[in-house]
Amino acid sequence: QSGRAAETIALWFLRLKGYRLLAWRYKSPMGEIDLIMRRGEVTAFIEVKARSTRDAAIESVTAYQSKRIAAAARSFMAKDRKAAMQACRFDIVAVTPYQWPQHVENAFYGDT
């Protein structure tokens, strides 16, 4: 339940920054991506983490998770030509109590 709330908070936070939602909770056989958003010529694959501190949220994305997210991103790009032709990156949005969410661009590389 807190995961869905954190995703909703992250979605609205990113929309305020000018991002447009492409997919929410995108599922593929390889993995799941919390949010896929686009701003300008960049498609962002976003993992949302809700933790008690920002550092804990950012550190909670493991190498295994990043590989699964990257595999799911490849699946999405195979279906969305625009994403495949544009710059793509992997971001994290850390959602913590009583603070604005923190958006970390290029937080990890999919091939780690």
Protein backbone atom coordinates (compact mmCIF):
# COMPACT_ATOMS: atom_id res chain seq x y z
CA GLN A 1 0.00 0.00 0.00
CA SER A 2 2.81 2.43 0.84
CA GLY A 3 4.46 1.54 -2.47
CA ARG A 4 1.44 2.69 -4.45
CA ALA A 5 1.23 5.89 -2.40
CA ALA A 6 4.92 6.58 -3.01
CA GLU A 7 4.45 6.00 -6.75
CA THR A 8 1.54 8.46 -6.80
CA ILE A 9 3.62 11.07 -4.96
CA ALA A 10 6.54 10.51 -7.35
CA LEU A 11 4.25 10.73 -10.38
CA TRP A 12 2.84 14.11 -9.39
CA PHE A 13 6.25 15.41 -8.36
CA LEU A 14 7.68 14.53 -11.77
CA ARG A 15 4.66 15.95 -13.59
CA LEU A 16 5.33 19.26 -11.82
CA LYS A 17 8.87 19.06 -13.25
CA GLY A 18 7.47 18.73 -16.77
CA TYR A 19 7.52 14.96 -17.29
CA ARG A 20 4.75 13.15 -19.15
CA LEU A 21 3.61 9.69 -18.08
CA LEU A 22 4.03 6.91 -20.65
CA ALA A 23 3.43 3.88 -18.42
CA TRP A 24 2.72 3.17 -14.77
CA ARG A 25 3.77 -0.19 -13.32
CA TYR A 26 4.92 -1.49 -16.68
CA LYS A 27 5.25 -5.27 -16.56
CA SER A 28 7.18 -7.50 -18.89
CA PRO A 29 8.34 -11.11 -18.51
CA MET A 30 11.76 -9.74 -17.54
CA GLY A 31 10.68 -7.35 -14.80
CA GLU A 32 8.61 -4.35 -13.75
CA ILE A 33 9.22 -0.61 -13.99
CA ASP A 34 7.37 1.69 -11.59
CA LEU A 35 7.12 4.71 -13.88
CA ILE A 36 8.12 5.40 -17.47
CA MET A 37 8.08 9.10 -18.22
CA ARG A 38 9.28 11.43 -20.95
CA ARG A 39 10.47 15.01 -20.88
CA GLY A 40 11.66 16.48 -24.13
CA GLU A 41 13.89 14.03 -25.93
CA VAL A 42 14.59 11.81 -22.90
CA THR A 43 12.69 8.73 -21.78
CA ALA A 44 13.22 7.97 -18.08
CA PHE A 45 12.71 4.55 -16.53
CA ILE A 46 12.03 5.34 -12.88
CA GLU A 47 12.25 3.17 -9.79
CA VAL A 48 10.34 4.62 -6.83
CA LYS A 49 11.53 3.77 -3.34
CA ALA A 50 9.83 4.73 -0.08
CA ARG A 51 12.12 4.52 2.94
CA SER A 52 12.68 6.38 6.18
CA THR A 53 15.71 8.23 4.76
CA ARG A 54 16.75 9.31 1.29
CA ASP A 55 20.04 7.43 1.50
CA ALA A 56 18.26 4.21 2.46
CA ALA A 57 15.87 4.63 -0.46
CA ILE A 58 18.65 5.17 -2.99
CA GLU A 59 20.82 2.36 -1.63
CA SER A 60 17.89 -0.09 -1.70
CA VAL A 61 18.11 -0.48 -5.50
CA THR A 62 20.26 -3.56 -5.90
CA ALA A 63 22.34 -4.65 -8.89
CA TYR A 64 19.84 -7.47 -9.46
CA GLN A 65 16.95 -5.00 -9.52
CA SER A 66 18.76 -2.69 -11.90
CA LYS A 67 19.34 -5.59 -14.33
CA ARG A 68 15.65 -6.55 -14.24
CA ILE A 69 14.59 -2.93 -14.76
CA ALA A 70 16.97 -2.64 -17.71
CA ALA A 71 15.59 -5.84 -19.25
CA ALA A 72 12.03 -4.52 -18.85
CA ALA A 73 13.17 -1.21 -20.40
CA ARG A 74 14.49 -3.06 -23.45
CA SER A 75 11.11 -4.75 -23.76
CA PHE A 76 9.35 -1.36 -23.60
CA MET A 77 11.69 0.18 -26.17
CA ALA A 78 11.00 -2.69 -28.55
CA LYS A 79 7.34 -1.60 -28.54
CA ASP A 80 7.87 2.20 -28.46
CA ARG A 81 9.89 3.42 -31.44
CA LYS A 82 10.25 6.93 -30.05
CA ALA A 83 11.86 5.63 -26.84
CA ALA A 84 14.18 3.43 -28.86
CA MET A 85 15.34 6.42 -30.94
CA GLN A 86 15.78 8.85 -28.03
CA ALA A 87 18.10 9.09 -25.07
CA CYS A 88 17.05 6.84 -22.20
CA ARG A 89 18.15 6.78 -18.59
CA PHE A 90 17.43 5.06 -15.29
CA ASP A 91 16.32 7.25 -12.41
CA ILE A 92 15.31 6.78 -8.78
CA VAL A 93 12.76 8.83 -6.90
CA ALA A 94 13.26 8.57 -3.15
CA VAL A 95 10.09 9.23 -1.16
CA THR A 96 10.63 9.92 2.53
CA PRO A 97 8.25 11.12 5.25
CA TYR A 98 7.84 14.89 5.70
CA GLN A 99 10.23 15.78 2.84
CA TRP A 100 9.94 16.55 -0.84
CA PRO A 101 10.76 13.54 -3.01
CA GLN A 102 14.32 13.41 -4.32
CA HIS A 103 14.76 12.71 -8.02
CA VAL A 104 18.14 11.16 -8.84
CA GLU A 105 18.75 11.24 -12.59
CA ASN A 106 21.04 8.58 -14.10
CA ALA A 107 21.01 6.78 -10.77
CA PHE A 108 22.23 3.50 -12.23
CA TYR A 109 23.16 1.82 -15.47
CA GLY A 110 21.14 -1.11 -16.66
CA ASP A 111 24.17 -3.27 -17.43
CA THR A 112 25.66 -3.37 -13.92
